[in-house]
Amino acid sequence: MPSFTSSSKSPALVYARALLGICAIIVLFLEICADYLLKHDSETYARVSQQYADAVKVRSSRPGEPASVLMVGNSLLMEGIDVDRLQGLTSSKMRIYPIFLEATGYYDWLYGLGRLFRQGARPQVVVLGVGVNSFLQNSVRQDYAPMMFFDVRDVLGAASDLKLDRTATSNLLLAHSSVFWDIRSVIRTQILRRTVPHCSELFSLVKPKPVLPPSPELEADTIARIRTLRQLCEAHGAKLIILVPPTPSSEDAVRQMAIASQKVGVDSLVPIDPATLSERFYQPDELHLNSEGAALFTSALATYLPVELSGSKSASSHN
């Protein structure tokens, strides 16, 4: 005689399997669509992926050749440096390989540089420029960076350093392994921009003012982080230079960061004193340099960075 219990479970099992199959198809569809959008519509992905591919191939130059310089940073460098002009002004002394990704900070580049080195990048010099506030952030960028800069060991390392809970760690792992999960916020933002009039202006109205820790804590955190970066770069034969781009009213923080770098034995380069730049050199967001400010910053950087590469200390912490 057939069991009533087994016969009653069979339809439920069939429905469960059908539901799992539908969910798998939906997930696969979302991944395919996200991958297509990423590779065909994302200017950020196209730019950073090409820059990353070029950076992996960087090798130390031979005697008499221009030094190989890996320059990494966030939007402060992307908006503040005309890389083509900088390369043209310094072509006889260095070859620049830039990777600029907006909204990145210390942890993004600590693990991003580690992965680049593991993949074979061997620059003679690493120039890191993210600004003081971003350098002291206790976070990583939630999109693009986990997918493009990290591997699983980096994700777990960042989660441990940041003391993330299981949910946050899982989100970071998913962002590394799933294209859809990584760029879901980007897709949402694009939908809002195309459906809500003047959406970009609404976002620009929200300008949270970054808060720096007290001076003793700021110095301790800065020293520890610069020391870690220096050890990482030196382990792979590269010299670290901290580049501090100008931002409004950042003179005190810039000075403290330069002092902290000096204590760790790392050159810090401040091509332009922030106090000398008025509002007319910044974009309406009051943070990034405009074209006029970028021209000044690029020219100053072209003057002082080659001096740093030559081993002279005269440009260190220059204002």
Protein backbone atom coordinates (compact mmCIF):
# COMPACT_ATOMS: atom_id res chain seq x y z
CA MET A 1 0.00 0.00 0.00
CA PRO A 2 1.56 3.38 -1.02
CA SER A 3 2.55 5.74 1.75
CA PHE A 4 0.34 8.80 2.11
CA THR A 5 3.26 10.82 3.49
CA SER A 6 5.59 10.08 0.56
CA SER A 7 2.89 10.81 -2.01
CA SER A 8 2.04 14.12 -0.33
CA LYS A 9 5.68 15.21 -0.36
CA SER A 10 6.23 14.52 -4.05
CA PRO A 11 4.31 17.57 -5.37
CA ALA A 12 6.03 19.82 -2.82
CA LEU A 13 9.42 18.54 -3.92
CA VAL A 14 8.53 19.10 -7.56
CA TYR A 15 7.41 22.66 -6.84
CA ALA A 16 10.57 23.37 -4.83
CA ARG A 17 12.76 22.15 -7.66
CA ALA A 18 10.79 24.18 -10.18
CA LEU A 19 11.14 27.28 -8.00
CA LEU A 20 14.89 26.75 -7.66
CA GLY A 21 15.16 26.33 -11.42
CA ILE A 22 13.25 29.57 -12.05
CA CYS A 23 15.44 31.41 -9.52
CA ALA A 24 18.58 30.06 -11.20
CA ILE A 25 17.33 31.23 -14.60
CA ILE A 26 16.56 34.70 -13.20
CA VAL A 27 20.00 34.96 -11.58
CA LEU A 28 21.68 33.85 -14.82
CA PHE A 29 19.62 36.36 -16.81
CA LEU A 30 20.55 39.20 -14.43
CA GLU A 31 24.24 38.25 -14.61
CA ILE A 32 24.22 38.19 -18.40
CA CYS A 33 22.42 41.53 -18.63
CA ALA A 34 24.69 43.14 -16.02
CA ASP A 35 27.80 41.84 -17.78
CA TYR A 36 26.56 43.22 -21.10
CA LEU A 37 25.75 46.64 -19.59
CA LEU A 38 29.10 46.73 -17.80
CA LYS A 39 31.16 46.01 -20.90
CA HIS A 40 29.14 48.11 -23.35
CA ASP A 41 27.81 51.08 -21.36
CA SER A 42 30.19 51.67 -18.45
CA GLU A 43 32.82 54.29 -19.21
CA THR A 44 34.32 53.71 -15.77
CA TYR A 45 34.78 49.99 -16.38
CA ALA A 46 36.27 50.55 -19.84
CA ARG A 47 38.74 53.13 -18.57
CA VAL A 48 39.83 51.35 -15.39
CA SER A 49 40.05 47.89 -16.95
CA GLN A 50 42.37 49.23 -19.68
CA GLN A 51 44.47 51.11 -17.16
CA TYR A 52 44.66 48.01 -14.96
CA ALA A 53 45.72 45.80 -17.87
CA ASP A 54 48.49 48.26 -18.75
CA ALA A 55 49.62 48.49 -15.12
CA VAL A 56 49.99 44.71 -14.77
CA LYS A 57 52.59 44.81 -17.57
CA VAL A 58 54.73 47.48 -15.87
CA ARG A 59 58.36 46.46 -15.43
CA SER A 60 61.38 48.22 -13.98
CA SER A 61 63.19 50.23 -16.62
CA ARG A 62 66.76 49.59 -17.65
CA PRO A 63 69.59 52.01 -16.84
CA GLY A 64 69.21 55.18 -18.87
CA GLU A 65 65.52 54.59 -19.57
CA PRO A 66 62.67 56.67 -18.06
CA ALA A 67 61.53 55.36 -14.67
CA SER A 68 58.31 53.35 -14.61
CA VAL A 69 55.78 55.07 -12.36
CA LEU A 70 52.50 53.50 -11.27
CA MET A 71 50.20 56.37 -10.27
CA VAL A 72 47.01 55.39 -8.44
CA GLY A 73 44.29 57.45 -6.82
CA ASN A 74 40.70 58.59 -6.84
CA SER A 75 38.79 61.40 -8.54
CA LEU A 76 41.06 64.05 -7.01
CA LEU A 77 43.81 62.86 -9.34
CA MET A 78 41.48 61.97 -12.20
CA GLU A 79 40.08 65.51 -12.26
CA GLY A 80 43.26 67.24 -11.11
CA ILE A 81 45.90 65.75 -13.44
CA ASP A 82 46.12 65.95 -17.20
CA VAL A 83 48.03 62.69 -17.61
CA ASP A 84 48.84 63.23 -21.29
CA ARG A 85 50.28 66.66 -20.56
CA LEU A 86 52.16 65.39 -17.51
CA GLN A 87 53.63 62.56 -19.57
CA GLY A 88 54.61 64.99 -22.31
CA LEU A 89 56.37 67.29 -19.86
CA THR A 90 58.28 64.46 -18.17
CA SER A 91 58.71 61.92 -20.97
CA SER A 92 62.50 61.92 -20.74
CA LYS A 93 62.45 61.01 -17.05
CA MET A 94 59.45 58.78 -16.40
CA ARG A 95 56.76 56.64 -17.95
CA ILE A 96 53.42 57.00 -16.16
CA TYR A 97 50.88 54.21 -15.77
CA PRO A 98 47.75 55.66 -14.13
CA ILE A 99 44.83 53.89 -12.48
CA PHE A 100 42.19 56.32 -11.22
CA LEU A 101 38.93 55.11 -9.69
CA GLU A 102 36.55 57.51 -8.03
CA ALA A 103 35.67 57.22 -4.31
CA THR A 104 38.60 54.97 -3.47
CA GLY A 105 40.74 55.25 -0.37
CA TYR A 106 43.46 53.54 1.65
CA TYR A 107 42.02 50.03 1.86
CA ASP A 108 41.03 49.95 -1.82
CA TRP A 109 44.61 50.63 -2.84
CA LEU A 110 46.31 48.63 -0.11
CA TYR A 111 44.69 45.46 -1.41
CA GLY A 112 44.54 46.68 -5.01
CA LEU A 113 48.30 47.22 -5.07
CA GLY A 114 48.89 43.87 -3.40
CA ARG A 115 46.96 42.09 -6.14
CA LEU A 116 48.74 44.06 -8.86
CA PHE A 117 52.09 42.98 -7.45
CA ARG A 118 50.95 39.35 -7.26
CA GLN A 119 49.93 39.54 -10.92
CA GLY A 120 53.40 40.66 -11.91
CA ALA A 121 53.42 44.48 -11.87
CA ARG A 122 56.93 45.73 -11.04
CA PRO A 123 57.03 49.54 -11.18
CA GLN A 124 60.04 51.38 -9.84
CA VAL A 125 57.84 53.96 -8.15
CA VAL A 126 54.29 53.90 -6.79
CA VAL A 127 52.61 57.30 -6.43
CA LEU A 128 49.46 57.20 -4.30
CA GLY A 129 47.14 60.20 -4.18
CA VAL A 130 43.69 60.04 -2.63
CA GLY A 131 43.54 63.07 -0.34
CA VAL A 132 43.79 63.08 3.45
CA ASN A 133 40.11 62.34 4.12
CA SER A 134 39.97 59.32 1.81
CA PHE A 135 43.29 58.05 3.12
CA LEU A 136 41.81 57.87 6.63
CA GLN A 137 38.47 56.31 5.64
CA ASN A 138 37.66 52.97 7.24
CA SER A 139 35.85 51.53 4.24
CA VAL A 140 36.23 50.18 0.72
CA ARG A 141 34.31 51.13 -2.37
CA GLN A 142 31.36 48.75 -2.74
CA ASP A 143 31.25 48.66 -6.55
CA TYR A 144 33.95 48.17 -9.18
CA ALA A 145 36.80 47.85 -6.65
CA PRO A 146 35.81 44.42 -5.22
CA MET A 147 35.37 43.04 -8.74
CA MET A 148 38.35 44.69 -10.45
CA PHE A 149 40.96 45.12 -7.70
CA PHE A 150 40.39 42.27 -5.25
CA ASP A 151 40.54 38.51 -5.19
CA VAL A 152 38.96 36.35 -2.47
CA ARG A 153 41.93 36.66 -0.11
CA ASP A 154 41.81 40.45 -0.48
CA VAL A 155 38.09 40.54 0.29
CA LEU A 156 38.59 38.48 3.42
CA GLY A 157 41.60 40.58 4.42
CA ALA A 158 39.70 43.84 4.00
CA ALA A 159 36.71 42.44 5.91
CA SER A 160 39.01 41.45 8.76
CA ASP A 161 40.79 44.81 8.86
CA LEU A 162 37.49 46.70 8.80
CA LYS A 163 35.90 44.31 11.31
CA LEU A 164 32.92 43.72 9.02
CA ASP A 165 30.09 41.50 10.23
CA ARG A 166 28.99 38.41 8.31
CA THR A 167 26.40 40.28 6.27
CA ALA A 168 28.83 42.97 5.15
CA THR A 169 31.49 40.35 4.40
CA SER A 170 29.01 38.35 2.33
CA ASN A 171 28.05 41.48 0.40
CA LEU A 172 31.70 42.14 -0.36
CA LEU A 173 32.26 38.57 -1.50
CA LEU A 174 29.19 38.76 -3.73
CA ALA A 175 30.39 42.06 -5.16
CA HIS A 176 33.66 40.36 -6.06
CA SER A 177 32.09 37.29 -7.69
CA SER A 178 28.83 38.64 -9.16
CA VAL A 179 28.73 41.38 -11.78
CA PHE A 180 25.09 42.15 -11.03
CA TRP A 181 25.69 42.44 -7.29
CA ASP A 182 28.76 44.58 -7.83
CA ILE A 183 27.09 47.17 -10.07
CA ARG A 184 23.54 47.05 -8.72
CA SER A 185 23.89 50.53 -7.21
CA VAL A 186 25.32 51.83 -10.49
CA ILE A 187 22.33 50.43 -12.39
CA ARG A 188 19.95 51.98 -9.86
CA THR A 189 21.66 55.37 -10.19
CA GLN A 190 21.48 55.24 -13.98
CA ILE A 191 17.77 54.41 -13.86
CA LEU A 192 17.16 57.37 -11.53
CA ARG A 193 19.12 59.72 -13.76
CA ARG A 194 17.08 58.70 -16.80
CA THR A 195 13.69 58.81 -15.09
CA VAL A 196 13.98 61.67 -12.57
CA PRO A 197 14.58 65.15 -14.05
CA HIS A 198 17.66 66.93 -12.69
CA CYS A 199 18.57 63.91 -10.58
CA SER A 200 22.28 64.75 -10.72
CA GLU A 201 21.67 68.18 -9.22
CA LEU A 202 19.66 66.65 -6.41
CA PHE A 203 22.55 64.32 -5.55
CA SER A 204 25.01 67.20 -5.62
CA LEU A 205 23.01 69.03 -2.95
CA VAL A 206 23.98 66.35 -0.45
CA LYS A 207 27.54 67.21 0.58
CA PRO A 208 28.44 65.47 3.82
CA LYS A 209 31.37 67.25 5.37
CA PRO A 210 34.16 64.79 6.16
CA VAL A 211 35.27 64.72 9.77
CA LEU A 212 38.91 64.05 10.57
CA PRO A 213 39.93 62.41 13.83
CA PRO A 214 41.76 64.45 16.50
CA SER A 215 45.37 65.31 15.69
CA PRO A 216 47.08 62.60 17.81
CA GLU A 217 44.79 59.90 16.42
CA LEU A 218 45.15 61.28 12.89
CA GLU A 219 48.93 61.14 13.12
CA ALA A 220 48.96 57.62 14.56
CA ASP A 221 46.58 56.26 11.92
CA THR A 222 48.44 58.00 9.11
CA ILE A 223 51.84 56.71 10.25
CA ALA A 224 50.57 53.13 10.55
CA ARG A 225 48.96 53.16 7.12
CA ILE A 226 51.89 54.77 5.33
CA ARG A 227 54.27 52.30 6.97
CA THR A 228 52.15 49.36 5.76
CA LEU A 229 52.08 50.73 2.21
CA ARG A 230 55.82 51.37 2.26
CA GLN A 231 56.52 47.79 3.38
CA LEU A 232 54.25 46.44 0.64
CA CYS A 233 55.95 48.49 -2.07
CA GLU A 234 59.49 47.81 -0.83
CA ALA A 235 58.80 44.08 -0.74
CA HIS A 236 58.29 44.29 -4.50
CA GLY A 237 61.15 46.65 -5.29
CA ALA A 238 59.14 49.88 -5.58
CA LYS A 239 59.56 53.25 -3.93
CA LEU A 240 56.41 54.78 -2.42
CA ILE A 241 55.58 58.46 -2.81
CA ILE A 242 52.51 59.98 -1.16
CA LEU A 243 51.01 62.64 -3.41
CA VAL A 244 48.67 65.06 -1.65
CA PRO A 245 46.27 66.82 -4.05
CA PRO A 246 44.84 70.16 -2.93
CA THR A 247 41.35 70.45 -1.48
CA PRO A 248 39.74 73.52 0.09
CA SER A 249 40.74 74.30 3.68
CA SER A 250 42.98 71.25 3.99
CA GLU A 251 46.23 73.01 4.93
CA ASP A 252 46.44 71.62 8.47
CA ALA A 253 45.58 68.06 7.43
CA VAL A 254 48.07 68.20 4.55
CA ARG A 255 50.80 69.44 6.88
CA GLN A 256 50.11 66.63 9.37
CA MET A 257 50.15 64.02 6.63
CA ALA A 258 53.47 65.32 5.31
CA ILE A 259 54.95 65.18 8.82
CA ALA A 260 53.64 61.63 9.33
CA SER A 261 55.18 60.55 6.01
CA GLN A 262 58.51 62.02 7.00
CA LYS A 263 58.48 60.10 10.29
CA VAL A 264 57.98 56.83 8.40
CA GLY A 265 60.69 57.63 5.87
CA VAL A 266 58.35 58.08 2.92
CA ASP A 267 58.52 61.07 0.61
CA SER A 268 55.35 63.14 0.49
CA LEU A 269 54.77 65.50 -2.39
CA VAL A 270 52.54 68.55 -2.05
CA PRO A 271 53.01 70.34 -5.38
CA ILE A 272 50.57 73.12 -4.52
CA ASP A 273 49.75 74.57 -1.12
CA PRO A 274 45.92 74.40 -0.80
CA ALA A 275 45.95 77.83 0.86
CA THR A 276 47.12 79.42 -2.41
CA LEU A 277 44.12 78.23 -4.43
CA SER A 278 40.94 80.28 -4.36
CA GLU A 279 37.44 79.00 -5.10
CA ARG A 280 37.78 79.85 -8.79
CA PHE A 281 40.17 76.93 -9.23
CA TYR A 282 37.57 74.37 -8.06
CA GLN A 283 34.50 72.85 -9.63
CA PRO A 284 31.01 73.71 -8.29
CA ASP A 285 31.23 70.68 -5.97
CA GLU A 286 33.89 72.64 -4.06
CA LEU A 287 36.18 69.62 -3.94
CA HIS A 288 37.65 68.80 -7.36
CA LEU A 289 39.92 71.06 -9.37
CA ASN A 290 38.50 72.57 -12.53
CA SER A 291 40.45 72.79 -15.79
CA GLU A 292 42.34 75.89 -14.65
CA GLY A 293 43.24 74.34 -11.32
CA ALA A 294 44.20 71.07 -12.99
CA ALA A 295 46.57 72.92 -15.33
CA LEU A 296 48.35 74.47 -12.33
CA PHE A 297 48.51 71.18 -10.45
CA THR A 298 49.79 69.26 -13.47
CA SER A 299 52.53 71.82 -14.14
CA ALA A 300 53.63 71.79 -10.49
CA LEU A 301 53.64 67.99 -10.42
CA ALA A 302 55.70 67.88 -13.62
CA THR A 303 58.25 70.13 -11.92
CA TYR A 304 58.64 68.36 -8.59
CA LEU A 305 57.89 64.67 -9.22
CA PRO A 306 60.99 64.11 -11.42
CA VAL A 307 63.09 65.60 -8.60
CA GLU A 308 61.66 63.01 -6.22
CA LEU A 309 62.42 60.25 -8.70
CA SER A 310 66.02 61.38 -8.95
CA GLY A 311 66.42 60.79 -5.22
CA SER A 312 66.66 64.43 -4.20
CA LYS A 313 64.92 65.45 -0.98
CA SER A 314 64.55 69.08 -1.95
CA ALA A 315 61.01 68.56 -3.27
CA SER A 316 59.86 66.38 -0.40
CA SER A 317 56.80 67.87 1.24
CA HIS A 318 57.12 70.87 -1.04
CA ASN A 319 54.60 73.67 -0.68
